[in-house]
N, C-alpha and C. Protein backbone atom coordinates (compact mmCIF):
# COMPACT_ATOMS: atom_id res chain seq x y z
N MET A 1 -71.13 154.64 40.31
CA MET A 1 -71.48 153.43 39.59
C MET A 1 -71.46 153.68 38.07
N ASN A 2 -72.04 154.80 37.62
CA ASN A 2 -72.04 155.13 36.20
C ASN A 2 -70.62 155.33 35.67
N LYS A 3 -69.77 155.92 36.49
CA LYS A 3 -68.37 156.12 36.10
C LYS A 3 -67.68 154.76 35.92
N PHE A 4 -67.92 153.83 36.85
CA PHE A 4 -67.34 152.49 36.80
C PHE A 4 -67.83 151.75 35.56
N LEU A 5 -69.13 151.82 35.27
CA LEU A 5 -69.70 151.18 34.11
C LEU A 5 -69.13 151.78 32.82
N GLY A 6 -68.93 153.08 32.81
CA GLY A 6 -68.33 153.75 31.66
C GLY A 6 -66.91 153.27 31.40
N ILE A 7 -66.13 153.08 32.46
CA ILE A 7 -64.75 152.60 32.32
C ILE A 7 -64.75 151.18 31.75
N ILE A 8 -65.65 150.34 32.26
CA ILE A 8 -65.71 148.96 31.78
C ILE A 8 -66.13 148.93 30.30
N LEU A 9 -67.16 149.66 29.94
CA LEU A 9 -67.59 149.70 28.54
C LEU A 9 -66.50 150.26 27.64
N GLY A 10 -65.82 151.30 28.08
CA GLY A 10 -64.73 151.88 27.31
C GLY A 10 -63.61 150.89 27.09
N THR A 11 -63.24 150.18 28.15
CA THR A 11 -62.19 149.16 28.05
C THR A 11 -62.59 148.05 27.09
N LEU A 12 -63.86 147.64 27.17
CA LEU A 12 -64.36 146.59 26.30
C LEU A 12 -64.33 147.03 24.84
N LEU A 13 -64.75 148.23 24.57
CA LEU A 13 -64.72 148.74 23.19
C LEU A 13 -63.31 148.85 22.65
N VAL A 14 -62.38 149.32 23.45
CA VAL A 14 -60.98 149.42 23.03
C VAL A 14 -60.43 148.04 22.74
N SER A 15 -60.68 147.07 23.63
CA SER A 15 -60.13 145.73 23.42
C SER A 15 -60.74 145.07 22.19
N LEU A 16 -62.04 145.30 21.94
CA LEU A 16 -62.66 144.74 20.74
C LEU A 16 -62.09 145.37 19.47
N SER A 17 -61.80 146.65 19.53
CA SER A 17 -61.26 147.31 18.34
C SER A 17 -59.86 146.84 18.02
N PHE A 18 -59.11 146.36 19.02
CA PHE A 18 -57.75 145.86 18.77
C PHE A 18 -57.71 144.37 18.52
N SER A 19 -58.80 143.65 18.73
CA SER A 19 -58.77 142.19 18.59
C SER A 19 -58.39 141.73 17.18
N PRO A 20 -58.83 142.40 16.10
CA PRO A 20 -58.35 141.97 14.79
C PRO A 20 -56.85 142.11 14.64
N LEU A 21 -56.27 143.14 15.26
CA LEU A 21 -54.81 143.31 15.20
C LEU A 21 -54.12 142.17 15.93
N LEU A 22 -54.66 141.79 17.05
CA LEU A 22 -54.05 140.71 17.82
C LEU A 22 -54.17 139.39 17.08
N ALA A 23 -55.31 139.16 16.44
CA ALA A 23 -55.50 137.91 15.71
C ALA A 23 -54.49 137.80 14.57
N ASP A 24 -54.16 138.92 13.93
CA ASP A 24 -53.23 138.89 12.82
C ASP A 24 -51.77 138.87 13.25
N SER A 25 -51.50 139.06 14.54
CA SER A 25 -50.12 139.15 14.98
C SER A 25 -49.43 137.79 15.02
N VAL A 26 -50.20 136.71 15.01
CA VAL A 26 -49.62 135.37 14.99
C VAL A 26 -49.81 134.81 13.59
N PRO A 27 -48.72 134.66 12.84
CA PRO A 27 -48.87 134.18 11.46
C PRO A 27 -49.34 132.73 11.42
N ASN A 28 -50.21 132.43 10.46
CA ASN A 28 -50.60 131.04 10.27
C ASN A 28 -50.35 130.57 8.83
N THR A 29 -49.86 131.48 7.99
CA THR A 29 -49.43 131.11 6.64
C THR A 29 -48.19 131.94 6.28
N VAL A 30 -47.51 131.54 5.24
CA VAL A 30 -46.35 132.31 4.79
C VAL A 30 -46.76 133.63 4.15
N TYR A 31 -48.05 133.75 3.80
CA TYR A 31 -48.53 134.94 3.12
C TYR A 31 -48.50 136.19 3.99
N THR A 32 -48.34 136.05 5.28
CA THR A 32 -48.34 137.21 6.18
C THR A 32 -46.99 137.92 6.19
N PHE A 33 -45.98 137.37 5.54
CA PHE A 33 -44.64 137.92 5.61
C PHE A 33 -44.31 138.79 4.41
N LYS A 34 -43.52 139.82 4.68
CA LYS A 34 -42.95 140.67 3.63
C LYS A 34 -41.44 140.51 3.72
N MET A 35 -40.81 140.33 2.57
CA MET A 35 -39.37 140.09 2.51
C MET A 35 -38.76 141.03 1.49
N LYS A 36 -37.46 141.25 1.60
CA LYS A 36 -36.74 142.02 0.59
C LYS A 36 -36.17 141.04 -0.44
N ASP A 37 -36.39 141.34 -1.71
CA ASP A 37 -35.81 140.48 -2.74
C ASP A 37 -34.33 140.80 -2.93
N ILE A 38 -33.69 140.08 -3.80
CA ILE A 38 -32.25 140.20 -4.01
C ILE A 38 -31.86 141.60 -4.51
N ASP A 39 -32.84 142.33 -5.07
CA ASP A 39 -32.59 143.69 -5.54
C ASP A 39 -33.00 144.75 -4.52
N GLY A 40 -33.39 144.30 -3.31
CA GLY A 40 -33.74 145.24 -2.24
C GLY A 40 -35.18 145.73 -2.24
N LYS A 41 -36.02 145.19 -3.11
CA LYS A 41 -37.42 145.59 -3.16
C LYS A 41 -38.24 144.74 -2.18
N THR A 42 -39.18 145.37 -1.49
CA THR A 42 -40.05 144.65 -0.56
C THR A 42 -41.08 143.85 -1.36
N VAL A 43 -41.20 142.57 -1.01
CA VAL A 43 -42.14 141.68 -1.68
C VAL A 43 -43.03 141.04 -0.61
N SER A 44 -44.32 141.19 -0.77
CA SER A 44 -45.26 140.49 0.10
C SER A 44 -45.37 139.06 -0.41
N LEU A 45 -45.21 138.10 0.49
CA LEU A 45 -45.34 136.70 0.06
C LEU A 45 -46.78 136.37 -0.31
N ALA A 46 -47.72 137.27 0.01
CA ALA A 46 -49.10 137.12 -0.44
C ALA A 46 -49.17 137.11 -1.97
N LYS A 47 -48.14 137.64 -2.61
CA LYS A 47 -48.03 137.62 -4.07
C LYS A 47 -48.10 136.18 -4.60
N TYR A 48 -47.72 135.22 -3.77
CA TYR A 48 -47.65 133.83 -4.19
C TYR A 48 -48.87 133.00 -3.75
N LYS A 49 -49.95 133.68 -3.33
CA LYS A 49 -51.17 132.95 -2.93
C LYS A 49 -51.61 132.04 -4.07
N GLY A 50 -51.98 130.82 -3.68
CA GLY A 50 -52.44 129.84 -4.67
C GLY A 50 -51.33 129.06 -5.34
N LYS A 51 -50.09 129.38 -5.03
CA LYS A 51 -48.93 128.67 -5.60
C LYS A 51 -48.39 127.65 -4.58
N VAL A 52 -47.76 126.62 -5.09
CA VAL A 52 -46.98 125.71 -4.25
C VAL A 52 -45.58 126.31 -4.18
N LEU A 53 -45.05 126.46 -2.98
CA LEU A 53 -43.74 127.09 -2.80
C LEU A 53 -42.73 126.09 -2.24
N LEU A 54 -41.49 126.30 -2.59
CA LEU A 54 -40.37 125.62 -1.95
C LEU A 54 -39.45 126.73 -1.46
N ILE A 55 -39.34 126.85 -0.15
CA ILE A 55 -38.51 127.89 0.46
C ILE A 55 -37.20 127.23 0.89
N VAL A 56 -36.08 127.79 0.41
CA VAL A 56 -34.77 127.17 0.60
C VAL A 56 -33.76 128.20 1.08
N ASN A 57 -33.00 127.86 2.15
CA ASN A 57 -31.87 128.71 2.52
C ASN A 57 -30.66 128.22 1.70
N VAL A 58 -30.08 129.14 0.96
CA VAL A 58 -29.06 128.78 -0.03
C VAL A 58 -27.71 129.42 0.29
N ALA A 59 -26.65 128.89 -0.32
CA ALA A 59 -25.30 129.42 -0.15
C ALA A 59 -24.47 129.08 -1.39
N SER A 60 -23.57 129.98 -1.75
CA SER A 60 -22.79 129.85 -2.97
C SER A 60 -21.48 129.08 -2.82
N LYS A 61 -21.01 128.92 -1.59
CA LYS A 61 -19.71 128.28 -1.38
C LYS A 61 -19.85 127.06 -0.47
N CYS A 62 -20.85 126.25 -0.74
CA CYS A 62 -21.19 125.11 0.10
C CYS A 62 -21.05 123.83 -0.73
N GLY A 63 -20.78 122.74 -0.09
CA GLY A 63 -20.73 121.46 -0.80
C GLY A 63 -22.05 121.10 -1.46
N HIS A 64 -23.14 121.70 -0.99
CA HIS A 64 -24.47 121.42 -1.56
C HIS A 64 -24.89 122.47 -2.59
N THR A 65 -24.02 123.43 -2.89
CA THR A 65 -24.34 124.48 -3.86
C THR A 65 -24.78 123.91 -5.21
N PRO A 66 -24.24 122.77 -5.68
CA PRO A 66 -24.72 122.22 -6.95
C PRO A 66 -26.22 121.89 -6.95
N GLN A 67 -26.86 121.90 -5.79
CA GLN A 67 -28.31 121.69 -5.76
C GLN A 67 -29.05 122.80 -6.51
N TYR A 68 -28.40 123.95 -6.69
CA TYR A 68 -29.02 125.01 -7.49
C TYR A 68 -29.47 124.46 -8.85
N ALA A 69 -28.66 123.63 -9.46
CA ALA A 69 -28.99 123.09 -10.79
C ALA A 69 -30.26 122.24 -10.72
N GLY A 70 -30.33 121.36 -9.72
CA GLY A 70 -31.52 120.52 -9.56
C GLY A 70 -32.75 121.31 -9.18
N LEU A 71 -32.56 122.34 -8.36
CA LEU A 71 -33.69 123.20 -8.00
C LEU A 71 -34.22 123.93 -9.24
N GLU A 72 -33.32 124.43 -10.06
CA GLU A 72 -33.74 125.12 -11.28
C GLU A 72 -34.49 124.17 -12.21
N LYS A 73 -34.05 122.91 -12.30
CA LYS A 73 -34.75 121.92 -13.13
C LYS A 73 -36.18 121.70 -12.61
N LEU A 74 -36.32 121.57 -11.29
CA LEU A 74 -37.65 121.42 -10.70
C LEU A 74 -38.52 122.64 -11.01
N TYR A 75 -37.93 123.81 -10.86
CA TYR A 75 -38.67 125.04 -11.12
C TYR A 75 -39.16 125.08 -12.57
N GLU A 76 -38.27 124.77 -13.50
CA GLU A 76 -38.64 124.78 -14.92
C GLU A 76 -39.72 123.73 -15.21
N LYS A 77 -39.63 122.59 -14.56
CA LYS A 77 -40.57 121.50 -14.80
C LYS A 77 -41.98 121.83 -14.31
N TYR A 78 -42.09 122.51 -13.16
CA TYR A 78 -43.40 122.70 -12.52
C TYR A 78 -43.91 124.14 -12.45
N LYS A 79 -43.14 125.10 -12.93
CA LYS A 79 -43.58 126.50 -12.77
C LYS A 79 -44.89 126.78 -13.49
N ASP A 80 -45.16 126.12 -14.60
CA ASP A 80 -46.41 126.33 -15.31
C ASP A 80 -47.60 125.68 -14.61
N LYS A 81 -47.31 124.90 -13.57
CA LYS A 81 -48.37 124.27 -12.77
C LYS A 81 -48.54 124.99 -11.43
N GLY A 82 -47.95 126.18 -11.32
CA GLY A 82 -48.12 126.96 -10.11
C GLY A 82 -47.10 126.69 -9.03
N PHE A 83 -45.88 126.35 -9.40
CA PHE A 83 -44.81 126.05 -8.45
C PHE A 83 -43.75 127.15 -8.52
N VAL A 84 -43.33 127.63 -7.35
CA VAL A 84 -42.30 128.67 -7.29
C VAL A 84 -41.30 128.31 -6.19
N ILE A 85 -40.02 128.45 -6.50
CA ILE A 85 -38.96 128.29 -5.50
C ILE A 85 -38.55 129.68 -5.05
N LEU A 86 -38.39 129.85 -3.74
CA LEU A 86 -37.91 131.11 -3.17
C LEU A 86 -36.59 130.82 -2.48
N GLY A 87 -35.50 131.40 -2.99
CA GLY A 87 -34.17 131.17 -2.43
C GLY A 87 -33.77 132.30 -1.48
N PHE A 88 -33.37 131.93 -0.27
CA PHE A 88 -32.95 132.89 0.75
C PHE A 88 -31.49 132.65 1.13
N PRO A 89 -30.57 133.45 0.59
CA PRO A 89 -29.16 133.30 0.95
C PRO A 89 -28.95 133.47 2.46
N CYS A 90 -28.01 132.68 2.97
CA CYS A 90 -27.70 132.73 4.41
C CYS A 90 -26.22 132.46 4.60
N ASN A 91 -25.58 133.26 5.43
CA ASN A 91 -24.14 133.14 5.67
C ASN A 91 -23.83 132.57 7.06
N GLN A 92 -24.79 131.90 7.69
CA GLN A 92 -24.60 131.43 9.06
C GLN A 92 -23.85 130.12 9.18
N PHE A 93 -23.67 129.39 8.11
CA PHE A 93 -23.04 128.08 8.19
C PHE A 93 -21.65 128.15 7.57
N ARG A 94 -20.65 128.29 8.43
CA ARG A 94 -19.25 128.42 8.03
C ARG A 94 -19.02 129.54 7.01
N GLU A 95 -19.84 130.56 7.09
CA GLU A 95 -19.70 131.74 6.23
C GLU A 95 -19.59 131.35 4.75
N GLN A 96 -20.52 130.49 4.32
CA GLN A 96 -20.50 129.98 2.95
C GLN A 96 -21.32 130.82 1.97
N GLU A 97 -21.79 131.98 2.45
CA GLU A 97 -22.46 132.94 1.57
C GLU A 97 -21.97 134.34 1.91
N PRO A 98 -20.66 134.60 1.67
CA PRO A 98 -20.07 135.85 2.14
C PRO A 98 -20.33 137.07 1.26
N GLY A 99 -20.76 136.88 0.03
CA GLY A 99 -20.88 137.99 -0.91
C GLY A 99 -22.06 138.91 -0.65
N THR A 100 -22.09 139.98 -1.42
CA THR A 100 -23.22 140.91 -1.38
C THR A 100 -24.39 140.28 -2.14
N ASP A 101 -25.55 140.90 -2.03
CA ASP A 101 -26.69 140.41 -2.79
C ASP A 101 -26.40 140.44 -4.29
N ALA A 102 -25.72 141.48 -4.75
CA ALA A 102 -25.36 141.58 -6.18
C ALA A 102 -24.44 140.43 -6.58
N ASP A 103 -23.45 140.11 -5.72
CA ASP A 103 -22.55 138.99 -5.99
C ASP A 103 -23.32 137.67 -6.08
N ILE A 104 -24.24 137.49 -5.15
CA ILE A 104 -25.02 136.25 -5.09
C ILE A 104 -25.88 136.12 -6.35
N LYS A 105 -26.54 137.19 -6.72
CA LYS A 105 -27.38 137.17 -7.92
C LYS A 105 -26.56 136.83 -9.17
N THR A 106 -25.41 137.48 -9.31
CA THR A 106 -24.55 137.21 -10.46
C THR A 106 -24.10 135.76 -10.47
N PHE A 107 -23.67 135.25 -9.32
CA PHE A 107 -23.23 133.86 -9.22
C PHE A 107 -24.34 132.91 -9.64
N CYS A 108 -25.51 133.09 -9.08
CA CYS A 108 -26.62 132.16 -9.33
C CYS A 108 -27.09 132.19 -10.78
N THR A 109 -27.13 133.39 -11.36
CA THR A 109 -27.63 133.48 -12.73
C THR A 109 -26.59 133.06 -13.77
N THR A 110 -25.33 133.31 -13.49
CA THR A 110 -24.31 132.96 -14.48
C THR A 110 -23.81 131.52 -14.32
N ARG A 111 -23.68 131.06 -13.11
CA ARG A 111 -23.14 129.70 -12.88
C ARG A 111 -24.20 128.62 -13.01
N TYR A 112 -25.42 128.90 -12.51
CA TYR A 112 -26.48 127.88 -12.49
C TYR A 112 -27.73 128.28 -13.27
N ASN A 113 -27.69 129.42 -13.94
CA ASN A 113 -28.83 129.89 -14.73
C ASN A 113 -30.13 129.92 -13.92
N VAL A 114 -30.02 130.32 -12.67
CA VAL A 114 -31.18 130.38 -11.79
C VAL A 114 -32.15 131.46 -12.28
N THR A 115 -33.41 131.07 -12.42
CA THR A 115 -34.46 132.02 -12.81
C THR A 115 -35.53 132.15 -11.73
N PHE A 116 -35.50 131.30 -10.70
CA PHE A 116 -36.49 131.43 -9.63
C PHE A 116 -36.12 132.61 -8.74
N PRO A 117 -37.09 133.17 -8.01
CA PRO A 117 -36.84 134.36 -7.19
C PRO A 117 -35.81 134.14 -6.08
N LEU A 118 -34.90 135.09 -5.98
CA LEU A 118 -33.91 135.11 -4.90
C LEU A 118 -34.19 136.32 -4.02
N PHE A 119 -33.86 136.19 -2.75
CA PHE A 119 -34.15 137.24 -1.79
C PHE A 119 -32.88 137.72 -1.10
N ASP A 120 -33.04 138.76 -0.33
CA ASP A 120 -31.97 139.36 0.47
C ASP A 120 -31.40 138.33 1.44
N LYS A 121 -30.11 138.43 1.70
CA LYS A 121 -29.46 137.54 2.65
C LYS A 121 -30.09 137.71 4.04
N ILE A 122 -30.39 136.57 4.69
CA ILE A 122 -31.02 136.59 6.01
C ILE A 122 -30.31 135.63 6.95
N GLU A 123 -30.69 135.69 8.22
CA GLU A 123 -30.28 134.68 9.20
C GLU A 123 -31.47 133.76 9.44
N VAL A 124 -31.19 132.49 9.57
CA VAL A 124 -32.26 131.50 9.76
C VAL A 124 -32.29 130.92 11.17
N ASN A 125 -31.25 131.15 11.94
CA ASN A 125 -31.16 130.68 13.32
C ASN A 125 -30.73 131.81 14.25
N GLY A 126 -30.92 131.61 15.53
CA GLY A 126 -30.41 132.54 16.53
C GLY A 126 -31.32 133.74 16.78
N ASP A 127 -30.78 134.68 17.55
CA ASP A 127 -31.55 135.86 17.96
C ASP A 127 -32.01 136.71 16.79
N ASN A 128 -31.26 136.70 15.70
CA ASN A 128 -31.62 137.51 14.54
C ASN A 128 -32.30 136.71 13.43
N SER A 129 -32.80 135.54 13.80
CA SER A 129 -33.49 134.69 12.83
C SER A 129 -34.66 135.45 12.21
N ASN A 130 -34.75 135.39 10.91
CA ASN A 130 -35.83 136.06 10.20
C ASN A 130 -37.18 135.50 10.66
N PRO A 131 -38.19 136.36 10.84
CA PRO A 131 -39.51 135.89 11.29
C PRO A 131 -40.13 134.80 10.40
N LEU A 132 -39.89 134.86 9.09
CA LEU A 132 -40.39 133.79 8.22
C LEU A 132 -39.82 132.45 8.65
N TYR A 133 -38.52 132.42 8.90
CA TYR A 133 -37.88 131.17 9.30
C TYR A 133 -38.27 130.77 10.72
N GLN A 134 -38.53 131.71 11.59
CA GLN A 134 -39.04 131.37 12.92
C GLN A 134 -40.37 130.63 12.76
N PHE A 135 -41.23 131.14 11.89
CA PHE A 135 -42.52 130.50 11.63
C PHE A 135 -42.34 129.10 11.04
N LEU A 136 -41.50 128.97 10.01
CA LEU A 136 -41.30 127.68 9.35
C LEU A 136 -40.74 126.63 10.32
N LYS A 137 -39.73 127.02 11.08
CA LYS A 137 -39.08 126.08 12.01
C LYS A 137 -40.03 125.63 13.11
N THR A 138 -40.83 126.55 13.61
CA THR A 138 -41.78 126.20 14.67
C THR A 138 -42.87 125.28 14.13
N ASP A 139 -43.31 125.55 12.92
CA ASP A 139 -44.36 124.75 12.32
C ASP A 139 -43.89 123.36 11.92
N LEU A 140 -42.65 123.26 11.46
CA LEU A 140 -42.11 121.98 11.00
C LEU A 140 -40.69 121.75 11.54
N PRO A 141 -40.57 121.22 12.75
CA PRO A 141 -39.23 120.88 13.26
C PRO A 141 -38.60 119.78 12.39
N ASP A 142 -37.30 119.57 12.55
CA ASP A 142 -36.64 118.52 11.77
C ASP A 142 -37.07 117.15 12.31
N PRO A 143 -36.65 116.05 11.66
CA PRO A 143 -37.08 114.71 12.09
C PRO A 143 -36.71 114.37 13.55
N ASP A 144 -35.69 115.04 14.09
CA ASP A 144 -35.30 114.80 15.49
C ASP A 144 -36.03 115.74 16.45
N GLY A 145 -36.93 116.56 15.93
CA GLY A 145 -37.67 117.48 16.77
C GLY A 145 -36.96 118.81 17.02
N LYS A 146 -35.80 119.01 16.38
CA LYS A 146 -35.05 120.26 16.55
C LYS A 146 -35.66 121.35 15.67
N LEU A 147 -35.69 122.56 16.21
CA LEU A 147 -36.24 123.67 15.45
C LEU A 147 -35.22 124.30 14.51
N ASP A 148 -33.97 124.43 14.97
CA ASP A 148 -32.98 125.14 14.17
C ASP A 148 -32.72 124.46 12.83
N ILE A 149 -32.35 125.31 11.87
CA ILE A 149 -31.93 124.82 10.55
C ILE A 149 -30.53 124.24 10.74
N GLY A 150 -30.32 123.03 10.24
CA GLY A 150 -29.04 122.35 10.45
C GLY A 150 -27.93 122.79 9.51
N TRP A 151 -28.31 123.21 8.29
CA TRP A 151 -27.29 123.56 7.31
C TRP A 151 -27.95 124.25 6.13
N ASN A 152 -27.12 124.68 5.18
CA ASN A 152 -27.61 125.27 3.94
C ASN A 152 -28.46 124.25 3.17
N PHE A 153 -29.34 124.76 2.36
CA PHE A 153 -30.20 123.97 1.49
C PHE A 153 -31.20 123.09 2.23
N THR A 154 -31.64 123.56 3.40
CA THR A 154 -32.82 122.97 4.04
C THR A 154 -34.02 123.56 3.31
N LYS A 155 -34.99 122.71 3.01
CA LYS A 155 -36.11 123.14 2.17
C LYS A 155 -37.44 122.95 2.90
N PHE A 156 -38.37 123.88 2.65
CA PHE A 156 -39.72 123.79 3.20
C PHE A 156 -40.71 123.82 2.04
N LEU A 157 -41.52 122.78 1.94
CA LEU A 157 -42.56 122.72 0.91
C LEU A 157 -43.83 123.33 1.50
N ILE A 158 -44.42 124.25 0.75
CA ILE A 158 -45.58 125.01 1.20
C ILE A 158 -46.75 124.72 0.26
N ASP A 159 -47.92 124.41 0.82
CA ASP A 159 -49.08 124.11 -0.03
C ASP A 159 -49.70 125.39 -0.60
N ARG A 160 -50.71 125.24 -1.42
CA ARG A 160 -51.34 126.37 -2.10
C ARG A 160 -52.07 127.32 -1.15
N GLN A 161 -52.30 126.87 0.08
CA GLN A 161 -52.95 127.72 1.08
C GLN A 161 -51.92 128.45 1.96
N GLY A 162 -50.63 128.25 1.68
CA GLY A 162 -49.58 128.94 2.42
C GLY A 162 -49.12 128.24 3.67
N HIS A 163 -49.50 126.97 3.83
CA HIS A 163 -49.11 126.20 5.02
C HIS A 163 -47.90 125.31 4.72
N PRO A 164 -46.91 125.29 5.61
CA PRO A 164 -45.79 124.36 5.44
C PRO A 164 -46.29 122.92 5.57
N ILE A 165 -45.90 122.08 4.62
CA ILE A 165 -46.36 120.68 4.65
C ILE A 165 -45.22 119.67 4.76
N LYS A 166 -44.00 120.10 4.45
CA LYS A 166 -42.88 119.16 4.55
C LYS A 166 -41.57 119.92 4.70
N ARG A 167 -40.73 119.42 5.60
CA ARG A 167 -39.37 119.94 5.75
C ARG A 167 -38.44 118.91 5.12
N ILE A 168 -37.62 119.36 4.19
CA ILE A 168 -36.74 118.47 3.44
C ILE A 168 -35.31 118.83 3.81
N MET A 169 -34.60 117.85 4.30
CA MET A 169 -33.27 118.09 4.84
C MET A 169 -32.24 118.37 3.75
N THR A 170 -31.14 118.97 4.17
CA THR A 170 -30.06 119.43 3.30
C THR A 170 -29.59 118.39 2.30
N LYS A 171 -29.32 117.19 2.75
CA LYS A 171 -28.70 116.18 1.89
C LYS A 171 -29.65 115.57 0.87
N VAL A 172 -30.94 115.87 0.98
CA VAL A 172 -31.90 115.34 0.01
C VAL A 172 -31.81 116.17 -1.26
N GLU A 173 -31.41 115.52 -2.33
CA GLU A 173 -31.23 116.18 -3.61
C GLU A 173 -32.59 116.51 -4.24
N PRO A 174 -32.66 117.57 -5.03
CA PRO A 174 -33.94 117.97 -5.62
C PRO A 174 -34.67 116.85 -6.38
N GLU A 175 -33.95 116.06 -7.13
CA GLU A 175 -34.62 114.99 -7.88
C GLU A 175 -35.25 113.94 -6.96
N ASP A 176 -34.78 113.88 -5.71
CA ASP A 176 -35.31 112.90 -4.77
C ASP A 176 -36.63 113.32 -4.12
N PHE A 177 -37.05 114.58 -4.31
CA PHE A 177 -38.36 114.98 -3.79
C PHE A 177 -39.26 115.51 -4.92
N ASP A 178 -38.95 115.15 -6.14
CA ASP A 178 -39.77 115.51 -7.28
C ASP A 178 -41.21 115.03 -7.08
N ALA A 179 -41.39 113.81 -6.57
CA ALA A 179 -42.74 113.27 -6.36
C ALA A 179 -43.54 114.10 -5.37
N ASP A 180 -42.87 114.68 -4.36
CA ASP A 180 -43.55 115.54 -3.40
C ASP A 180 -44.07 116.81 -4.08
N ILE A 181 -43.26 117.36 -4.99
CA ILE A 181 -43.65 118.56 -5.72
C ILE A 181 -44.83 118.22 -6.64
N GLN A 182 -44.70 117.10 -7.34
CA GLN A 182 -45.77 116.68 -8.25
C GLN A 182 -47.08 116.49 -7.51
N ALA A 183 -47.03 115.84 -6.34
CA ALA A 183 -48.25 115.64 -5.55
C ALA A 183 -48.84 116.98 -5.10
N ALA A 184 -47.99 117.91 -4.68
CA ALA A 184 -48.47 119.20 -4.19
C ALA A 184 -49.10 120.05 -5.30
N VAL A 185 -48.50 120.03 -6.48
CA VAL A 185 -49.07 120.85 -7.57
C VAL A 185 -50.32 120.20 -8.17
N SER A 186 -50.52 118.93 -7.91
CA SER A 186 -51.71 118.23 -8.42
C SER A 186 -52.96 118.51 -7.61
N LYS A 187 -52.78 119.14 -6.44
CA LYS A 187 -53.94 119.42 -5.57
C LYS A 187 -54.53 120.76 -5.86
């Protein structure tokens, strides 16, 4: 009986000691993710705690690539109010982001004068979908209830607590959701 009680108590203590690990294994904010930036450095998204974020999958050879200009305007307009855009290059849509990270960085900074943070090229759909995008898609499906990203320049607006609050579809131009950014930074 004492041996049985010892096993039960031991099991209970082990499970209690691992419960904080289990609780943290399911992300509930974007702050739990670490990503590689465009220069290959690991960046904890916790760095952006308290900021309003716009997370965008981007591409350099897409019909929507000119959105870089509008995104940069939004960034310049609201960055002093705690707004940051995070650009994640993706080559999954007709291979419209074929270059290296260095190529992408050069393109964005010279062609569109992008100053907001850019990250390492990732996949946003499929078996190799980045965990950040798995979280975003699950939290905010598209208007038809689909989880997958439909195309380049799909945007996710994140509140100051790190929660996704709006999914903005590809064809919506940056100037058309300026009011959403303004409302988010005002909170």
